[in-house]
Amino acid sequence: MNTTLITGASSGIGEAFARKLAAQGRNVLLVARSEGKLITLCNELGRMNSIRAQHMALDLSLPESPARLFEESQKRGLMIDLLINNAGFGAFGDFTKIDLQRQLNMIDLNIKALVDLTYRFLVPMRERKQGAIINVASTASFQPVPFMTTYAATKAFVLSFSEALWEENRSFGVTVMALCPGVTETNFFEAARGHKPPARASQTPEEVVDTALRGLAARKSSIVSGWANLLMVEAERFVPRSMIVRVAGRMLRSEYEKKT
């Protein structure tokens, strides 16, 4: 059974992907830690669309979880032809003041779990010569971000990793794409314990998903969501990285001082 696997699917961009793809008639396997939210969402999607919506409650930051997820998808007889690695989180603050274990968990989820799942599901996609993977990165992928140091570094990895895999796998009929949203109307900043930027700088999760699906249809290696975000990323190419870091540092230090 052809199925889309979405991690971090209980809210935000992951939930928006689930709703959009279910409305298009795609079966979904939704993964997140919150089983209650997943059950509610799967029941709703199943009622509203002629699709099969399944779930698996799992903490993907645990080292054994990606293997468990892959094995469970096989037991259920699911052919994952679209993998959306959306699970991840950030942390806002001075690097030395953020709990070390929280930052290591961030690396485990944002990088290790993403690489693990990509590897496991990419192998059968290549054998079938069909499939796609969307790895959710960020506009933070394009430059160092003081006071979100570890988060931005994990997303830089996701962007580089995905673009390299795009080239390795396009001859096999498989597309790997990095999705780079900017500020989005989700609970990201609450979870990161930081202040959300002004609403005029935000996109909705639905807008981000629409951008992602257009990019995937065009077989892009990466796509930035939102014209303002794209202009910012392109403009940064003409500015020394040291200047970008200093400007970002001044802005976010002010936010950090308000928070503390």
Protein backbone atom coordinates (compact mmCIF):
# COMPACT_ATOMS: atom_id res chain seq x y z
CA MET A 1 0.00 0.00 0.00
CA ASN A 2 1.55 3.29 -1.14
CA THR A 3 1.83 5.54 1.90
CA THR A 4 3.34 8.87 2.93
CA LEU A 5 5.27 8.79 6.21
CA ILE A 6 5.29 12.09 8.11
CA THR A 7 7.29 12.62 11.31
CA GLY A 8 6.42 15.39 13.74
CA ALA A 9 2.88 15.04 12.41
CA SER A 10 0.79 16.01 15.44
CA SER A 11 0.93 19.78 14.85
CA GLY A 12 2.36 22.60 12.75
CA ILE A 13 3.94 21.84 9.39
CA GLY A 14 3.67 18.08 9.89
CA GLU A 15 -0.08 18.26 10.53
CA ALA A 16 -0.50 20.57 7.53
CA PHE A 17 1.30 18.04 5.32
CA ALA A 18 -0.99 15.29 6.63
CA ARG A 19 -4.16 17.26 5.91
CA LYS A 20 -3.05 18.37 2.45
CA LEU A 21 -1.89 14.94 1.29
CA ALA A 22 -4.91 13.15 2.74
CA ALA A 23 -7.15 15.60 0.86
CA GLN A 24 -5.28 14.59 -2.30
CA GLY A 25 -6.15 10.94 -1.63
CA ARG A 26 -2.82 9.76 -0.21
CA ASN A 27 -2.62 7.21 2.60
CA VAL A 28 -0.57 8.47 5.56
CA LEU A 29 1.43 7.06 8.44
CA LEU A 30 1.77 9.77 11.09
CA VAL A 31 4.51 9.72 13.73
CA ALA A 32 4.97 11.89 16.82
CA ARG A 33 5.30 11.50 20.57
CA SER A 34 1.72 12.57 21.35
CA GLU A 35 -0.48 9.53 20.74
CA GLY A 36 -3.69 11.30 21.70
CA LYS A 37 -3.22 14.00 19.06
CA LEU A 38 -2.28 11.40 16.44
CA ILE A 39 -5.38 9.30 17.12
CA THR A 40 -7.64 12.35 16.86
CA LEU A 41 -6.00 13.48 13.62
CA CYS A 42 -6.07 10.02 12.03
CA ASN A 43 -9.76 9.59 12.88
CA GLU A 44 -10.57 12.95 11.35
CA LEU A 45 -8.56 12.33 8.19
CA GLY A 46 -10.09 8.88 7.76
CA ARG A 47 -13.63 10.26 8.07
CA MET A 48 -13.12 13.17 5.72
CA ASN A 49 -11.11 11.46 2.99
CA SER A 50 -11.18 8.08 1.27
CA ILE A 51 -7.76 7.18 2.61
CA ARG A 52 -6.18 5.04 5.31
CA ALA A 53 -4.62 7.13 8.08
CA GLN A 54 -2.40 5.25 10.53
CA HIS A 55 -0.22 6.38 13.39
CA MET A 56 2.71 5.33 15.56
CA ALA A 57 3.57 7.13 18.79
CA LEU A 58 7.36 7.30 19.01
CA ASP A 59 10.17 9.47 20.37
CA LEU A 60 12.50 9.59 17.39
CA SER A 61 15.35 11.07 19.43
CA LEU A 62 15.86 7.62 20.99
CA PRO A 63 18.51 5.65 19.08
CA GLU A 64 16.35 2.56 18.51
CA SER A 65 13.27 4.43 17.25
CA PRO A 66 14.06 4.80 13.52
CA ALA A 67 14.67 1.06 13.18
CA ARG A 68 11.44 0.34 15.07
CA LEU A 69 9.53 2.64 12.73
CA PHE A 70 10.98 1.07 9.60
CA GLU A 71 10.25 -2.45 10.85
CA GLU A 72 6.70 -1.52 11.83
CA SER A 73 6.01 -0.04 8.39
CA GLN A 74 7.12 -3.33 6.84
CA LYS A 75 4.98 -5.39 9.22
CA ARG A 76 1.96 -3.33 8.19
CA GLY A 77 2.74 -3.91 4.52
CA LEU A 78 3.22 -0.23 3.77
CA MET A 79 5.26 0.94 0.79
CA ILE A 80 6.60 4.32 1.82
CA ASP A 81 6.92 6.26 -1.44
CA LEU A 82 7.12 9.68 0.23
CA LEU A 83 9.03 10.30 3.46
CA ILE A 84 8.68 13.70 5.13
CA ASN A 85 11.30 14.16 7.86
CA ASN A 86 9.67 17.01 9.74
CA ALA A 87 10.33 16.13 13.40
CA GLY A 88 12.72 18.53 15.09
CA PHE A 89 13.02 21.28 17.66
CA GLY A 90 15.15 24.28 18.54
CA ALA A 91 16.41 26.10 21.61
CA PHE A 92 16.90 29.82 22.07
CA GLY A 93 19.53 31.27 24.38
CA ASP A 94 23.22 31.54 25.22
CA PHE A 95 24.89 28.26 24.24
CA THR A 96 26.48 27.81 27.67
CA LYS A 97 23.17 28.49 29.46
CA ILE A 98 21.05 25.98 27.53
CA ASP A 99 21.01 22.53 29.13
CA LEU A 100 23.62 20.35 27.41
CA GLN A 101 21.38 17.28 27.29
CA ARG A 102 18.67 19.30 25.55
CA GLN A 103 21.15 20.32 22.87
CA LEU A 104 22.41 16.76 22.42
CA ASN A 105 18.81 15.57 22.12
CA MET A 106 18.32 18.22 19.45
CA ILE A 107 21.22 16.77 17.47
CA ASP A 108 19.82 13.27 17.95
CA LEU A 109 16.43 14.26 16.55
CA ASN A 110 17.31 16.92 13.97
CA ILE A 111 20.28 15.02 12.49
CA LYS A 112 20.74 11.43 13.65
CA ALA A 113 17.10 10.34 13.37
CA LEU A 114 16.73 12.13 10.03
CA VAL A 115 19.82 10.42 8.58
CA ASP A 116 18.75 7.05 9.96
CA LEU A 117 15.23 7.24 8.50
CA THR A 118 16.48 8.62 5.19
CA TYR A 119 18.88 5.69 4.82
CA ARG A 120 16.35 3.01 5.73
CA PHE A 121 13.59 4.24 3.42
CA LEU A 122 15.85 5.43 0.59
CA VAL A 123 17.28 1.97 -0.06
CA PRO A 124 13.91 0.43 -1.14
CA MET A 125 13.01 3.60 -3.06
CA ARG A 126 16.15 3.19 -5.15
CA GLU A 127 15.37 -0.47 -5.73
CA ARG A 128 11.90 0.47 -6.99
CA LYS A 129 13.34 3.47 -8.89
CA GLN A 130 10.55 5.59 -7.49
CA GLY A 131 10.03 7.73 -4.40
CA ALA A 132 10.71 11.06 -2.75
CA ILE A 133 12.02 12.45 0.54
CA ILE A 134 11.40 15.92 1.94
CA ASN A 135 13.77 16.92 4.74
CA VAL A 136 12.57 19.98 6.63
CA ALA A 137 15.48 22.37 7.12
CA SER A 138 15.13 26.12 7.71
CA THR A 139 16.23 29.51 6.45
CA ALA A 140 18.62 29.18 9.42
CA SER A 141 20.43 26.60 7.26
CA PHE A 142 22.12 29.36 5.27
CA GLN A 143 24.05 31.19 8.00
CA PRO A 144 25.25 30.80 11.59
CA VAL A 145 22.65 32.05 14.08
CA PRO A 146 23.95 33.27 17.46
CA PHE A 147 21.65 32.34 20.37
CA MET A 148 20.24 29.51 18.25
CA THR A 149 23.68 28.06 17.68
CA THR A 150 23.05 24.34 17.75
CA TYR A 151 19.68 24.51 16.00
CA ALA A 152 21.04 26.48 13.03
CA ALA A 153 24.00 24.13 12.75
CA THR A 154 21.70 21.08 12.64
CA LYS A 155 19.65 22.66 9.88
CA ALA A 156 22.78 23.55 7.89
CA PHE A 157 23.59 19.84 8.01
CA VAL A 158 20.10 18.95 6.77
CA LEU A 159 20.41 21.31 3.80
CA SER A 160 23.86 20.08 2.75
CA PHE A 161 22.92 16.43 3.28
CA SER A 162 19.71 16.72 1.25
CA GLU A 163 21.23 18.59 -1.68
CA ALA A 164 24.03 16.02 -1.96
CA LEU A 165 21.52 13.16 -1.87
CA TRP A 166 19.45 14.88 -4.57
CA GLU A 167 22.40 14.54 -6.96
CA GLU A 168 23.23 10.97 -5.90
CA ASN A 169 19.68 9.71 -6.39
CA ARG A 170 18.06 11.57 -9.26
CA SER A 171 19.33 8.97 -11.77
CA PHE A 172 17.42 6.36 -9.72
CA GLY A 173 14.12 8.22 -10.09
CA VAL A 174 14.18 9.37 -6.46
CA THR A 175 13.99 13.03 -5.43
CA VAL A 176 15.49 14.26 -2.16
CA MET A 177 14.62 17.86 -1.33
CA ALA A 178 15.37 20.22 1.55
CA LEU A 179 12.46 22.46 2.55
CA CYS A 180 13.61 25.74 4.10
CA PRO A 181 10.81 27.67 5.80
CA GLY A 182 11.32 30.86 7.74
CA VAL A 183 9.22 31.93 10.70
CA THR A 184 6.03 29.87 10.62
CA GLU A 185 2.88 30.07 12.72
CA THR A 186 3.55 27.00 14.86
CA ASN A 187 4.52 26.35 18.48
CA PHE A 188 8.22 26.30 17.51
CA PHE A 189 9.20 29.43 19.43
CA GLU A 190 7.28 28.41 22.53
CA ALA A 191 9.08 25.06 22.49
CA ALA A 192 12.40 26.80 21.82
CA ARG A 193 11.70 29.16 24.76
CA GLY A 194 12.20 32.22 22.61
CA HIS A 195 10.13 35.20 21.46
CA LYS A 196 8.27 34.89 18.18
CA PRO A 197 9.17 37.55 15.57
CA PRO A 198 6.43 39.93 14.36
CA ALA A 199 3.45 38.24 12.66
CA ARG A 200 4.09 40.09 9.38
CA ALA A 201 7.24 37.99 9.00
CA SER A 202 5.35 34.71 9.44
CA GLN A 203 3.86 32.17 7.05
CA THR A 204 1.15 29.67 7.79
CA PRO A 205 2.04 25.96 7.81
CA GLU A 206 -0.31 25.54 4.85
CA GLU A 207 1.68 28.07 2.80
CA VAL A 208 4.89 26.22 3.62
CA VAL A 209 3.38 22.89 2.57
CA ASP A 210 2.10 24.31 -0.73
CA THR A 211 5.61 25.60 -1.47
CA ALA A 212 7.12 22.22 -0.61
CA LEU A 213 4.80 20.29 -2.90
CA ARG A 214 5.46 22.69 -5.79
CA GLY A 215 9.19 22.25 -5.27
CA LEU A 216 8.86 18.48 -5.14
CA ALA A 217 6.82 18.42 -8.36
CA ALA A 218 9.63 20.43 -10.01
CA ARG A 219 12.21 17.98 -8.58
CA LYS A 220 14.17 20.74 -6.84
CA SER A 221 17.08 19.92 -4.55
CA SER A 222 15.97 22.62 -2.09
CA ILE A 223 13.35 25.29 -1.84
CA VAL A 224 12.92 28.36 0.37
CA SER A 225 9.36 29.07 1.41
CA GLY A 226 8.19 32.66 1.02
CA TRP A 227 9.43 35.44 -1.26
CA ALA A 228 10.70 37.56 1.62
CA ASN A 229 12.71 34.63 2.94
CA LEU A 230 14.09 33.87 -0.51
CA LEU A 231 15.17 37.48 -1.02
CA MET A 232 16.87 37.46 2.38
CA VAL A 233 18.76 34.24 1.58
CA GLU A 234 19.82 35.51 -1.84
CA ALA A 235 20.93 38.89 -0.44
CA GLU A 236 23.13 37.18 2.13
CA ARG A 237 25.25 35.73 -0.68
CA PHE A 238 26.65 39.22 -1.30
CA VAL A 239 27.48 40.05 2.31
CA PRO A 240 30.51 38.75 4.27
CA ARG A 241 29.48 35.95 6.64
CA SER A 242 31.15 37.73 9.54
CA MET A 243 28.85 40.71 9.02
CA ILE A 244 25.77 38.50 8.83
CA VAL A 245 26.73 36.81 12.11
CA ARG A 246 27.31 40.17 13.84
CA VAL A 247 23.97 41.60 12.67
CA ALA A 248 22.09 38.46 13.68
CA GLY A 249 23.94 38.45 16.98
CA ARG A 250 22.92 42.03 17.78
CA MET A 251 19.26 41.32 16.99
CA LEU A 252 19.03 38.07 18.91
CA ARG A 253 21.13 39.27 21.85
CA SER A 254 18.48 41.96 22.34
CA GLU A 255 15.76 39.29 22.34
CA TYR A 256 17.79 37.15 24.74
CA GLU A 257 18.27 40.05 27.14
CA LYS A 258 14.50 40.72 27.12
CA LYS A 259 13.90 37.06 27.92
CA THR A 260 16.38 37.02 30.81
